[in-house]
């Protein structure tokens, strides 16, 4: 099993979620996060004073999938989250040792 973490632009969340559901992903965790990479933030003017905004709002989507579904999930996220501009985000793939469903005690792929 693998954990696929994707950091995307907030306005792409619904599109990515719908695309993942369409390919059979039954659950995900979504978190509002802030960060920067190559995008480096931007400046804003508030009441005549300029402020540098270093950390930009992003969305982190976390999905646990079977090994054979990883590429399908990654391709779906890339296709739907991409705008072609700096700041589109990143995808991380992390090995998962085990998953346990608290309610039933099921383990492994049955618990996904």
PDB file of N, CA and C in Angstrom:
ATOM      1  N   UNK A   1       0.842  -1.180   0.000  1.00  0.00           N
ATOM      2  CA  UNK A   1       0.000   0.000   0.000  1.00  0.00           C
ATOM      3  C   UNK A   1       0.881   1.235   0.000  1.00  0.00           C
ATOM      4  N   UNK A   2       0.326   2.315  -0.521  1.00  0.00           N
ATOM      5  CA  UNK A   2       1.046   3.583  -0.568  1.00  0.00           C
ATOM      6  C   UNK A   2       0.120   4.714  -0.132  1.00  0.00           C
ATOM      7  N   UNK A   3       0.732   5.758   0.410  1.00  0.00           N
ATOM      8  CA  UNK A   3       0.016   6.990   0.722  1.00  0.00           C
ATOM      9  C   UNK A   3       0.419   7.997  -0.348  1.00  0.00           C
ATOM     10  N   UNK A   4      -0.569   8.535  -1.043  1.00  0.00           N
ATOM     11  CA  UNK A   4      -0.319   9.565  -2.041  1.00  0.00           C
ATOM     12  C   UNK A   4      -0.756  10.887  -1.422  1.00  0.00           C
ATOM     13  N   UNK A   5       0.199  11.801  -1.270  1.00  0.00           N
ATOM     14  CA  UNK A   5      -0.081  13.138  -0.749  1.00  0.00           C
ATOM     15  C   UNK A   5       0.086  14.117  -1.901  1.00  0.00           C
ATOM     16  N   UNK A   6      -0.909  14.941  -2.109  1.00  0.00           N
ATOM     17  CA  UNK A   6      -0.830  15.949  -3.160  1.00  0.00           C
ATOM     18  C   UNK A   6      -1.082  17.319  -2.560  1.00  0.00           C
ATOM     19  N   UNK A   7      -0.202  18.254  -2.858  1.00  0.00           N
ATOM     20  CA  UNK A   7      -0.378  19.647  -2.464  1.00  0.00           C
ATOM     21  C   UNK A   7      -0.820  20.383  -3.723  1.00  0.00           C
ATOM     22  N   UNK A   8      -2.028  20.957  -3.697  1.00  0.00           N
ATOM     23  CA  UNK A   8      -2.598  21.573  -4.897  1.00  0.00           C
ATOM     24  C   UNK A   8      -3.134  22.968  -4.578  1.00  0.00           C
ATOM     25  N   UNK A   9      -3.474  23.698  -5.634  1.00  0.00           N
ATOM     26  CA  UNK A   9      -4.116  25.009  -5.458  1.00  0.00           C
ATOM     27  C   UNK A   9      -5.545  24.803  -4.956  1.00  0.00           C
ATOM     28  N   UNK A  10      -6.002  25.637  -4.039  1.00  0.00           N
ATOM     29  CA  UNK A  10      -7.328  25.442  -3.429  1.00  0.00           C
ATOM     30  C   UNK A  10      -8.489  25.371  -4.421  1.00  0.00           C
ATOM     31  N   UNK A  11      -8.469  26.162  -5.483  1.00  0.00           N
ATOM     32  CA  UNK A  11      -9.597  26.167  -6.408  1.00  0.00           C
ATOM     33  C   UNK A  11      -9.689  24.910  -7.253  1.00  0.00           C
ATOM     34  N   UNK A  12      -8.684  24.033  -7.183  1.00  0.00           N
ATOM     35  CA  UNK A  12      -8.693  22.776  -7.927  1.00  0.00           C
ATOM     36  C   UNK A  12      -9.255  21.605  -7.113  1.00  0.00           C
ATOM     37  N   UNK A  13      -9.570  21.832  -5.845  1.00  0.00           N
ATOM     38  CA  UNK A  13      -9.990  20.735  -4.962  1.00  0.00           C
ATOM     39  C   UNK A  13     -11.200  19.974  -5.487  1.00  0.00           C
ATOM     40  N   UNK A  14     -12.273  20.650  -5.813  1.00  0.00           N
ATOM     41  CA  UNK A  14     -13.487  19.947  -6.243  1.00  0.00           C
ATOM     42  C   UNK A  14     -13.247  19.134  -7.506  1.00  0.00           C
ATOM     43  N   UNK A  15     -12.499  19.699  -8.434  1.00  0.00           N
ATOM     44  CA  UNK A  15     -12.212  18.996  -9.685  1.00  0.00           C
ATOM     45  C   UNK A  15     -11.390  17.729  -9.428  1.00  0.00           C
ATOM     46  N   UNK A  16     -10.369  17.831  -8.575  1.00  0.00           N
ATOM     47  CA  UNK A  16      -9.533  16.675  -8.243  1.00  0.00           C
ATOM     48  C   UNK A  16     -10.337  15.633  -7.477  1.00  0.00           C
ATOM     49  N   UNK A  17     -11.129  16.077  -6.501  1.00  0.00           N
ATOM     50  CA  UNK A  17     -11.954  15.142  -5.719  1.00  0.00           C
ATOM     51  C   UNK A  17     -12.901  14.373  -6.631  1.00  0.00           C
ATOM     52  N   UNK A  18     -13.610  15.075  -7.516  1.00  0.00           N
ATOM     53  CA  UNK A  18     -14.547  14.421  -8.420  1.00  0.00           C
ATOM     54  C   UNK A  18     -13.847  13.421  -9.336  1.00  0.00           C
ATOM     55  N   UNK A  19     -12.660  13.776  -9.819  1.00  0.00           N
ATOM     56  CA  UNK A  19     -11.908  12.872 -10.697  1.00  0.00           C
ATOM     57  C   UNK A  19     -11.447  11.629  -9.943  1.00  0.00           C
ATOM     58  N   UNK A  20     -11.029  11.788  -8.683  1.00  0.00           N
ATOM     59  CA  UNK A  20     -10.604  10.625  -7.894  1.00  0.00           C
ATOM     60  C   UNK A  20     -11.786   9.708  -7.585  1.00  0.00           C
ATOM     61  N   UNK A  21     -12.926  10.281  -7.254  1.00  0.00           N
ATOM     62  CA  UNK A  21     -14.129   9.477  -7.004  1.00  0.00           C
ATOM     63  C   UNK A  21     -14.518   8.717  -8.270  1.00  0.00           C
ATOM     64  N   UNK A  22     -14.370   9.374  -9.409  1.00  0.00           N
ATOM     65  CA  UNK A  22     -14.721   8.764 -10.694  1.00  0.00           C
ATOM     66  C   UNK A  22     -13.868   7.532 -11.014  1.00  0.00           C
ATOM     67  N   UNK A  23     -12.595   7.507 -10.554  1.00  0.00           N
ATOM     68  CA  UNK A  23     -11.746   6.346 -10.811  1.00  0.00           C
ATOM     69  C   UNK A  23     -11.828   5.306  -9.683  1.00  0.00           C
ATOM     70  N   UNK A  24     -12.731   5.538  -8.727  1.00  0.00           N
ATOM     71  CA  UNK A  24     -12.979   4.523  -7.706  1.00  0.00           C
ATOM     72  C   UNK A  24     -12.332   4.750  -6.361  1.00  0.00           C
ATOM     73  N   UNK A  25     -11.783   5.924  -6.116  1.00  0.00           N
ATOM     74  CA  UNK A  25     -11.190   6.206  -4.811  1.00  0.00           C
ATOM     75  C   UNK A  25     -12.333   6.512  -3.845  1.00  0.00           C
ATOM     76  N   UNK A  26     -12.429   5.707  -2.784  1.00  0.00           N
ATOM     77  CA  UNK A  26     -13.568   5.788  -1.880  1.00  0.00           C
ATOM     78  C   UNK A  26     -13.408   6.718  -0.706  1.00  0.00           C
ATOM     79  N   UNK A  27     -12.204   7.195  -0.446  1.00  0.00           N
ATOM     80  CA  UNK A  27     -12.013   8.076   0.690  1.00  0.00           C
ATOM     81  C   UNK A  27     -10.720   8.845   0.576  1.00  0.00           C
ATOM     82  N   UNK A  28     -10.695   9.992   1.206  1.00  0.00           N
ATOM     83  CA  UNK A  28      -9.495  10.828   1.205  1.00  0.00           C
ATOM     84  C   UNK A  28      -9.560  11.780   2.386  1.00  0.00           C
ATOM     85  N   UNK A  29      -8.430  12.303   2.750  1.00  0.00           N
ATOM     86  CA  UNK A  29      -8.357  13.325   3.784  1.00  0.00           C
ATOM     87  C   UNK A  29      -7.892  14.609   3.131  1.00  0.00           C
ATOM     88  N   UNK A  30      -8.549  15.701   3.450  1.00  0.00           N
ATOM     89  CA  UNK A  30      -8.212  17.006   2.870  1.00  0.00           C
ATOM     90  C   UNK A  30      -7.908  17.975   4.006  1.00  0.00           C
ATOM     91  N   UNK A  31      -6.790  18.673   3.874  1.00  0.00           N
ATOM     92  CA  UNK A  31      -6.356  19.624   4.888  1.00  0.00           C
ATOM     93  C   UNK A  31      -5.991  20.946   4.227  1.00  0.00           C
ATOM     94  N   UNK A  32      -6.401  22.053   4.841  1.00  0.00           N
ATOM     95  CA  UNK A  32      -5.950  23.360   4.376  1.00  0.00           C
ATOM     96  C   UNK A  32      -4.564  23.598   4.958  1.00  0.00           C
ATOM     97  N   UNK A  33      -3.596  23.879   4.082  1.00  0.00           N
ATOM     98  CA  UNK A  33      -2.215  24.096   4.518  1.00  0.00           C
ATOM     99  C   UNK A  33      -1.703  25.398   3.900  1.00  0.00           C
ATOM    100  N   UNK A  34      -0.531  25.822   4.360  1.00  0.00           N
ATOM    101  CA  UNK A  34       0.105  27.014   3.799  1.00  0.00           C
ATOM    102  C   UNK A  34       1.560  26.683   3.541  1.00  0.00           C
ATOM    103  N   UNK A  35       2.101  27.218   2.460  1.00  0.00           N
ATOM    104  CA  UNK A  35       3.499  26.947   2.163  1.00  0.00           C
ATOM    105  C   UNK A  35       3.981  27.732   0.960  1.00  0.00           C
ATOM    106  N   UNK A  36       5.247  27.488   0.607  1.00  0.00           N
ATOM    107  CA  UNK A  36       5.798  28.101  -0.597  1.00  0.00           C
ATOM    108  C   UNK A  36       6.900  27.213  -1.133  1.00  0.00           C
ATOM    109  N   UNK A  37       7.148  27.350  -2.401  1.00  0.00           N
ATOM    110  CA  UNK A  37       8.224  26.651  -3.088  1.00  0.00           C
ATOM    111  C   UNK A  37       8.795  27.622  -4.088  1.00  0.00           C
ATOM    112  N   UNK A  38       8.782  27.237  -5.358  1.00  0.00           N
ATOM    113  CA  UNK A  38       9.284  28.127  -6.406  1.00  0.00           C
ATOM    114  C   UNK A  38       8.425  29.373  -6.543  1.00  0.00           C
ATOM    115  N   UNK A  39       7.165  29.285  -6.111  1.00  0.00           N
ATOM    116  CA  UNK A  39       6.238  30.408  -6.243  1.00  0.00           C
ATOM    117  C   UNK A  39       6.680  31.601  -5.381  1.00  0.00           C
ATOM    118  N   UNK A  40       7.312  31.351  -4.260  1.00  0.00           N
ATOM    119  CA  UNK A  40       7.928  32.345  -3.380  1.00  0.00           C
ATOM    120  C   UNK A  40       6.991  33.354  -2.737  1.00  0.00           C
ATOM    121  N   UNK A  41       5.701  33.189  -2.827  1.00  0.00           N
ATOM    122  CA  UNK A  41       4.783  34.144  -2.204  1.00  0.00           C
ATOM    123  C   UNK A  41       4.530  35.336  -3.113  1.00  0.00           C
ATOM    124  N   UNK A  42       3.912  36.370  -2.545  1.00  0.00           N
ATOM    125  CA  UNK A  42       3.609  37.578  -3.308  1.00  0.00           C
ATOM    126  C   UNK A  42       3.428  38.747  -2.346  1.00  0.00           C
ATOM    127  N   UNK A  43       3.268  39.942  -2.913  1.00  0.00           N
ATOM    128  CA  UNK A  43       3.043  41.119  -2.066  1.00  0.00           C
ATOM    129  C   UNK A  43       1.599  41.575  -2.207  1.00  0.00           C
ATOM    130  N   UNK A  44       1.072  42.131  -1.127  1.00  0.00           N
ATOM    131  CA  UNK A  44      -0.271  42.689  -1.121  1.00  0.00           C
ATOM    132  C   UNK A  44      -0.208  44.058  -0.465  1.00  0.00           C
ATOM    133  N   UNK A  45      -1.141  44.923  -0.838  1.00  0.00           N
ATOM    134  CA  UNK A  45      -1.217  46.249  -0.228  1.00  0.00           C
ATOM    135  C   UNK A  45      -2.491  46.313   0.608  1.00  0.00           C
ATOM    136  N   UNK A  46      -2.335  46.665   1.891  1.00  0.00           N
ATOM    137  CA  UNK A  46      -3.456  46.790   2.806  1.00  0.00           C
ATOM    138  C   UNK A  46      -3.374  48.159   3.468  1.00  0.00           C
ATOM    139  N   UNK A  47      -4.382  48.977   3.246  1.00  0.00           N
ATOM    140  CA  UNK A  47      -4.440  50.337   3.806  1.00  0.00           C
ATOM    141  C   UNK A  47      -3.167  51.137   3.513  1.00  0.00           C
ATOM    142  N   UNK A  48      -2.709  51.012   2.270  1.00  0.00           N
ATOM    143  CA  UNK A  48      -1.564  51.794   1.827  1.00  0.00           C
ATOM    144  C   UNK A  48      -0.206  51.236   2.192  1.00  0.00           C
ATOM    145  N   UNK A  49      -0.167  50.134   2.922  1.00  0.00           N
ATOM    146  CA  UNK A  49       1.105  49.528   3.308  1.00  0.00           C
ATOM    147  C   UNK A  49       1.289  48.213   2.570  1.00  0.00           C
ATOM    148  N   UNK A  50       2.482  48.000   2.034  1.00  0.00           N
ATOM    149  CA  UNK A  50       2.768  46.776   1.289  1.00  0.00           C
ATOM    150  C   UNK A  50       3.243  45.675   2.243  1.00  0.00           C
ATOM    151  N   UNK A  51       2.666  44.501   2.096  1.00  0.00           N
ATOM    152  CA  UNK A  51       3.033  43.344   2.915  1.00  0.00           C
ATOM    153  C   UNK A  51       3.483  42.208   2.006  1.00  0.00           C
ATOM    154  N   UNK A  52       4.492  41.457   2.459  1.00  0.00           N
ATOM    155  CA  UNK A  52       4.944  40.276   1.733  1.00  0.00           C
ATOM    156  C   UNK A  52       4.239  39.069   2.332  1.00  0.00           C
ATOM    157  N   UNK A  53       3.545  38.323   1.491  1.00  0.00           N
ATOM    158  CA  UNK A  53       2.865  37.099   1.917  1.00  0.00           C
ATOM    159  C   UNK A  53       3.755  35.928   1.497  1.00  0.00           C
ATOM    160  N   UNK A  54       4.488  35.359   2.470  1.00  0.00           N
ATOM    161  CA  UNK A  54       5.426  34.265   2.165  1.00  0.00           C
ATOM    162  C   UNK A  54       4.714  32.933   1.986  1.00  0.00           C
ATOM    163  N   UNK A  55       3.775  32.638   2.845  1.00  0.00           N
ATOM    164  CA  UNK A  55       3.112  31.341   2.833  1.00  0.00           C
ATOM    165  C   UNK A  55       1.761  31.469   2.135  1.00  0.00           C
ATOM    166  N   UNK A  56       1.602  30.743   1.057  1.00  0.00           N
ATOM    167  CA  UNK A  56       0.380  30.809   0.262  1.00  0.00           C
ATOM    168  C   UNK A  56      -0.565  29.679   0.650  1.00  0.00           C
ATOM    169  N   UNK A  57      -1.872  29.916   0.578  1.00  0.00           N
ATOM    170  CA  UNK A  57      -2.825  28.854   0.913  1.00  0.00           C
ATOM    171  C   UNK A  57      -2.791  27.744  -0.125  1.00  0.00           C
ATOM    172  N   UNK A  58      -2.770  26.514   0.354  1.00  0.00           N
ATOM    173  CA  UNK A  58      -2.777  25.315  -0.491  1.00  0.00           C
ATOM    174  C   UNK A  58      -3.724  24.302   0.139  1.00  0.00           C
ATOM    175  N   UNK A  59      -3.979  23.231  -0.587  1.00  0.00           N
ATOM    176  CA  UNK A  59      -4.781  22.116  -0.086  1.00  0.00           C
ATOM    177  C   UNK A  59      -3.922  20.858  -0.154  1.00  0.00           C
ATOM    178  N   UNK A  60      -3.945  20.061   0.921  1.00  0.00           N
ATOM    179  CA  UNK A  60      -3.242  18.774   0.911  1.00  0.00           C
ATOM    180  C   UNK A  60      -4.287  17.667   0.890  1.00  0.00           C
ATOM    181  N   UNK A  61      -4.190  16.817  -0.118  1.00  0.00           N
ATOM    182  CA  UNK A  61      -5.066  15.654  -0.243  1.00  0.00           C
ATOM    183  C   UNK A  61      -4.228  14.420   0.080  1.00  0.00           C
ATOM    184  N   UNK A  62      -4.749  13.567   0.966  1.00  0.00           N
ATOM    185  CA  UNK A  62      -4.060  12.327   1.323  1.00  0.00           C
ATOM    186  C   UNK A  62      -4.968  11.154   0.981  1.00  0.00           C
ATOM    187  N   UNK A  63      -4.411  10.182   0.254  1.00  0.00           N
ATOM    188  CA  UNK A  63      -5.164   9.008  -0.171  1.00  0.00           C
ATOM    189  C   UNK A  63      -4.285   7.777   0.042  1.00  0.00           C
ATOM    190  N   UNK A  64      -4.837   6.743   0.663  1.00  0.00           N
ATOM    191  CA  UNK A  64      -4.134   5.470   0.804  1.00  0.00           C
ATOM    192  C   UNK A  64      -4.694   4.529  -0.254  1.00  0.00           C
ATOM    193  N   UNK A  65      -3.790   3.950  -1.069  1.00  0.00           N
ATOM    194  CA  UNK A  65      -4.231   3.097  -2.180  1.00  0.00           C
ATOM    195  C   UNK A  65      -3.388   1.830  -2.261  1.00  0.00           C
ATOM    196  N   UNK A  66      -3.931   0.841  -2.959  1.00  0.00           N
ATOM    197  CA  UNK A  66      -3.168  -0.372  -3.269  1.00  0.00           C
ATOM    198  C   UNK A  66      -2.036   0.007  -4.205  1.00  0.00           C
ATOM    199  N   UNK A  67      -0.949  -0.764  -4.149  1.00  0.00           N
ATOM    200  CA  UNK A  67       0.213  -0.469  -4.990  1.00  0.00           C
ATOM    201  C   UNK A  67      -0.158  -0.349  -6.469  1.00  0.00           C
ATOM    202  N   UNK A  68      -1.053  -1.209  -6.934  1.00  0.00           N
ATOM    203  CA  UNK A  68      -1.399  -1.210  -8.360  1.00  0.00           C
ATOM    204  C   UNK A  68      -2.230   0.013  -8.773  1.00  0.00           C
ATOM    205  N   UNK A  69      -2.768   0.756  -7.817  1.00  0.00           N
ATOM    206  CA  UNK A  69      -3.588   1.936  -8.135  1.00  0.00           C
ATOM    207  C   UNK A  69      -2.817   3.249  -8.066  1.00  0.00           C
ATOM    208  N   UNK A  70      -1.558   3.199  -7.650  1.00  0.00           N
ATOM    209  CA  UNK A  70      -0.789   4.428  -7.437  1.00  0.00           C
ATOM    210  C   UNK A  70      -0.674   5.255  -8.718  1.00  0.00           C
ATOM    211  N   UNK A  71      -0.257   4.644  -9.807  1.00  0.00           N
ATOM    212  CA  UNK A  71      -0.050   5.410 -11.042  1.00  0.00           C
ATOM    213  C   UNK A  71      -1.337   6.026 -11.561  1.00  0.00           C
ATOM    214  N   UNK A  72      -2.444   5.285 -11.437  1.00  0.00           N
ATOM    215  CA  UNK A  72      -3.738   5.811 -11.878  1.00  0.00           C
ATOM    216  C   UNK A  72      -4.122   7.046 -11.049  1.00  0.00           C
ATOM    217  N   UNK A  73      -3.887   6.999  -9.752  1.00  0.00           N
ATOM    218  CA  UNK A  73      -4.198   8.121  -8.868  1.00  0.00           C
ATOM    219  C   UNK A  73      -3.292   9.315  -9.184  1.00  0.00           C
ATOM    220  N   UNK A  74      -1.999   9.064  -9.348  1.00  0.00           N
ATOM    221  CA  UNK A  74      -1.047  10.138  -9.651  1.00  0.00           C
ATOM    222  C   UNK A  74      -1.402  10.811 -10.979  1.00  0.00           C
ATOM    223  N   UNK A  75      -1.677  10.020 -12.001  1.00  0.00           N
ATOM    224  CA  UNK A  75      -2.041  10.578 -13.308  1.00  0.00           C
ATOM    225  C   UNK A  75      -3.317  11.407 -13.224  1.00  0.00           C
ATOM    226  N   UNK A  76      -4.289  10.928 -12.469  1.00  0.00           N
ATOM    227  CA  UNK A  76      -5.550  11.658 -12.316  1.00  0.00           C
ATOM    228  C   UNK A  76      -5.328  12.998 -11.630  1.00  0.00           C
ATOM    229  N   UNK A  77      -4.548  12.998 -10.557  1.00  0.00           N
ATOM    230  CA  UNK A  77      -4.267  14.244  -9.846  1.00  0.00           C
ATOM    231  C   UNK A  77      -3.507  15.210 -10.749  1.00  0.00           C
ATOM    232  N   UNK A  78      -2.482  14.713 -11.436  1.00  0.00           N
ATOM    233  CA  UNK A  78      -1.691  15.583 -12.313  1.00  0.00           C
ATOM    234  C   UNK A  78      -2.555  16.204 -13.402  1.00  0.00           C
ATOM    235  N   UNK A  79      -3.393  15.382 -14.017  1.00  0.00           N
ATOM    236  CA  UNK A  79      -4.224  15.864 -15.123  1.00  0.00           C
ATOM    237  C   UNK A  79      -5.223  16.926 -14.662  1.00  0.00           C
ATOM    238  N   UNK A  80      -5.812  16.739 -13.491  1.00  0.00           N
ATOM    239  CA  UNK A  80      -6.869  17.654 -13.053  1.00  0.00           C
ATOM    240  C   UNK A  80      -6.355  18.858 -12.270  1.00  0.00           C
ATOM    241  N   UNK A  81      -5.187  18.744 -11.620  1.00  0.00           N
ATOM    242  CA  UNK A  81      -4.681  19.853 -10.798  1.00  0.00           C
ATOM    243  C   UNK A  81      -3.787  20.810 -11.582  1.00  0.00           C
ATOM    244  N   UNK A  82      -3.344  20.401 -12.746  1.00  0.00           N
ATOM    245  CA  UNK A  82      -2.389  21.203 -13.498  1.00  0.00           C
ATOM    246  C   UNK A  82      -3.027  22.434 -14.142  1.00  0.00           C
ATOM    247  N   UNK A  83      -2.375  23.586 -13.928  1.00  0.00           N
ATOM    248  CA  UNK A  83      -2.802  24.821 -14.599  1.00  0.00           C
ATOM    249  C   UNK A  83      -1.730  25.302 -15.568  1.00  0.00           C
ATOM    250  N   UNK A  84      -0.520  24.766 -15.431  1.00  0.00           N
ATOM    251  CA  UNK A  84       0.589  25.197 -16.265  1.00  0.00           C
ATOM    252  C   UNK A  84       1.354  26.365 -15.686  1.00  0.00           C
ATOM    253  N   UNK A  85       0.999  26.778 -14.488  1.00  0.00           N
ATOM    254  CA  UNK A  85       1.665  27.917 -13.836  1.00  0.00           C
ATOM    255  C   UNK A  85       2.486  27.435 -12.640  1.00  0.00           C
ATOM    256  N   UNK A  86       3.441  28.257 -12.237  1.00  0.00           N
ATOM    257  CA  UNK A  86       4.225  27.965 -11.042  1.00  0.00           C
ATOM    258  C   UNK A  86       3.274  27.883  -9.859  1.00  0.00           C
ATOM    259  N   UNK A  87       3.477  26.895  -8.991  1.00  0.00           N
ATOM    260  CA  UNK A  87       2.631  26.764  -7.807  1.00  0.00           C
ATOM    261  C   UNK A  87       1.541  25.728  -7.945  1.00  0.00           C
ATOM    262  N   UNK A  88       1.559  24.942  -9.045  1.00  0.00           N
ATOM    263  CA  UNK A  88       0.550  23.892  -9.218  1.00  0.00           C
ATOM    264  C   UNK A  88       0.622  22.842  -8.119  1.00  0.00           C
ATOM    265  N   UNK A  89       1.789  22.641  -7.526  1.00  0.00           N
ATOM    266  CA  UNK A  89       1.890  21.739  -6.385  1.00  0.00           C
ATOM    267  C   UNK A  89       2.861  20.609  -6.582  1.00  0.00           C
ATOM    268  N   UNK A  90       2.772  19.641  -5.684  1.00  0.00           N
ATOM    269  CA  UNK A  90       3.652  18.475  -5.668  1.00  0.00           C
ATOM    270  C   UNK A  90       2.833  17.256  -5.279  1.00  0.00           C
ATOM    271  N   UNK A  91       3.349  16.078  -5.665  1.00  0.00           N
ATOM    272  CA  UNK A  91       2.762  14.802  -5.249  1.00  0.00           C
ATOM    273  C   UNK A  91       3.870  13.992  -4.594  1.00  0.00           C
ATOM    274  N   UNK A  92       3.578  13.428  -3.431  1.00  0.00           N
ATOM    275  CA  UNK A  92       4.515  12.587  -2.706  1.00  0.00           C
ATOM    276  C   UNK A  92       3.913  11.189  -2.584  1.00  0.00           C
ATOM    277  N   UNK A  93       4.739  10.161  -2.771  1.00  0.00           N
ATOM    278  CA  UNK A  93       4.294   8.772  -2.639  1.00  0.00           C
ATOM    279  C   UNK A  93       5.106   8.146  -1.511  1.00  0.00           C
ATOM    280  N   UNK A  94       4.389   7.645  -0.495  1.00  0.00           N
ATOM    281  CA  UNK A  94       5.021   7.172   0.733  1.00  0.00           C
ATOM    282  C   UNK A  94       4.546   5.744   1.019  1.00  0.00           C
ATOM    283  N   UNK A  95       5.462   4.821   1.333  1.00  0.00           N
ATOM    284  CA  UNK A  95       5.038   3.459   1.684  1.00  0.00           C
ATOM    285  C   UNK A  95       4.210   3.439   2.969  1.00  0.00           C
ATOM    286  N   UNK A  96       3.205   2.558   3.016  1.00  0.00           N
ATOM    287  CA  UNK A  96       2.355   2.411   4.196  1.00  0.00           C
ATOM    288  C   UNK A  96       2.519   0.981   4.716  1.00  0.00           C
ATOM    289  N   UNK A  97       2.913   0.851   5.954  1.00  0.00           N
ATOM    290  CA  UNK A  97       3.130  -0.464   6.575  1.00  0.00           C
ATOM    291  C   UNK A  97       1.820  -1.223   6.777  1.00  0.00           C
ATOM    292  N   UNK A  98       0.839  -0.547   7.343  1.00  0.00           N
ATOM    293  CA  UNK A  98      -0.418  -1.222   7.670  1.00  0.00           C
ATOM    294  C   UNK A  98      -1.514  -0.174   7.818  1.00  0.00           C
ATOM    295  N   UNK A  99      -2.746  -0.615   7.646  1.00  0.00           N
ATOM    296  CA  UNK A  99      -3.913   0.226   7.868  1.00  0.00           C
ATOM    297  C   UNK A  99      -4.870  -0.576   8.741  1.00  0.00           C
ATOM    298  N   UNK A 100      -5.466   0.069   9.735  1.00  0.00           N
ATOM    299  CA  UNK A 100      -6.408  -0.613  10.628  1.00  0.00           C
ATOM    300  C   UNK A 100      -7.692   0.209  10.685  1.00  0.00           C
ATOM    301  N   UNK A 101      -8.804  -0.430  10.371  1.00  0.00           N
ATOM    302  CA  UNK A 101     -10.106   0.234  10.505  1.00  0.00           C
ATOM    303  C   UNK A 101     -10.517   0.105  11.965  1.00  0.00           C
ATOM    304  N   UNK A 102     -10.662   1.208  12.657  1.00  0.00           N
ATOM    305  CA  UNK A 102     -10.938   1.211  14.092  1.00  0.00           C
ATOM    306  C   UNK A 102     -12.250   0.510  14.409  1.00  0.00           C
ATOM    307  N   UNK A 103     -13.288   0.782  13.634  1.00  0.00           N
ATOM    308  CA  UNK A 103     -14.621   0.236  13.932  1.00  0.00           C
ATOM    309  C   UNK A 103     -14.649  -1.289  13.915  1.00  0.00           C
ATOM    310  N   UNK A 104     -13.999  -1.917  12.908  1.00  0.00           N
ATOM    311  CA  UNK A 104     -14.113  -3.373  12.736  1.00  0.00           C
ATOM    312  C   UNK A 104     -12.848  -4.144  13.079  1.00  0.00           C
ATOM    313  N   UNK A 105     -11.716  -3.434  13.145  1.00  0.00           N
ATOM    314  CA  UNK A 105     -10.449  -4.111  13.390  1.00  0.00           C
ATOM    315  C   UNK A 105      -9.829  -4.689  12.122  1.00  0.00           C
ATOM    316  N   UNK A 106     -10.461  -4.485  10.957  1.00  0.00           N
ATOM    317  CA  UNK A 106      -9.889  -4.976   9.701  1.00  0.00           C
ATOM    318  C   UNK A 106      -8.527  -4.344   9.485  1.00  0.00           C
ATOM    319  N   UNK A 107      -7.635  -5.116   8.838  1.00  0.00           N
ATOM    320  CA  UNK A 107      -6.272  -4.653   8.602  1.00  0.00           C
ATOM    321  C   UNK A 107      -5.903  -4.758   7.140  1.00  0.00           C
ATOM    322  N   UNK A 108      -4.893  -3.994   6.749  1.00  0.00           N
ATOM    323  CA  UNK A 108      -4.355  -4.071   5.401  1.00  0.00           C
ATOM    324  C   UNK A 108      -5.302  -3.485   4.370  1.00  0.00           C
ATOM    325  N   UNK A 109      -5.254  -4.057   3.160  1.00  0.00           N
ATOM    326  CA  UNK A 109      -6.042  -3.539   2.042  1.00  0.00           C
ATOM    327  C   UNK A 109      -7.546  -3.582   2.309  1.00  0.00           C
ATOM    328  N   UNK A 110      -8.007  -4.511   3.154  1.00  0.00           N
ATOM    329  CA  UNK A 110      -9.441  -4.579   3.500  1.00  0.00           C
ATOM    330  C   UNK A 110      -9.885  -3.314   4.229  1.00  0.00           C
ATOM    331  N   UNK A 111      -8.965  -2.651   4.913  1.00  0.00           N
ATOM    332  CA  UNK A 111      -9.303  -1.485   5.726  1.00  0.00           C
ATOM    333  C   UNK A 111      -9.249  -0.167   4.939  1.00  0.00           C
ATOM    334  N   UNK A 112      -8.802  -0.229   3.705  1.00  0.00           N
ATOM    335  CA  UNK A 112      -8.684   1.025   2.921  1.00  0.00           C
ATOM    336  C   UNK A 112     -10.060   1.573   2.620  1.00  0.00           C
TER     337      UNK A 112
END
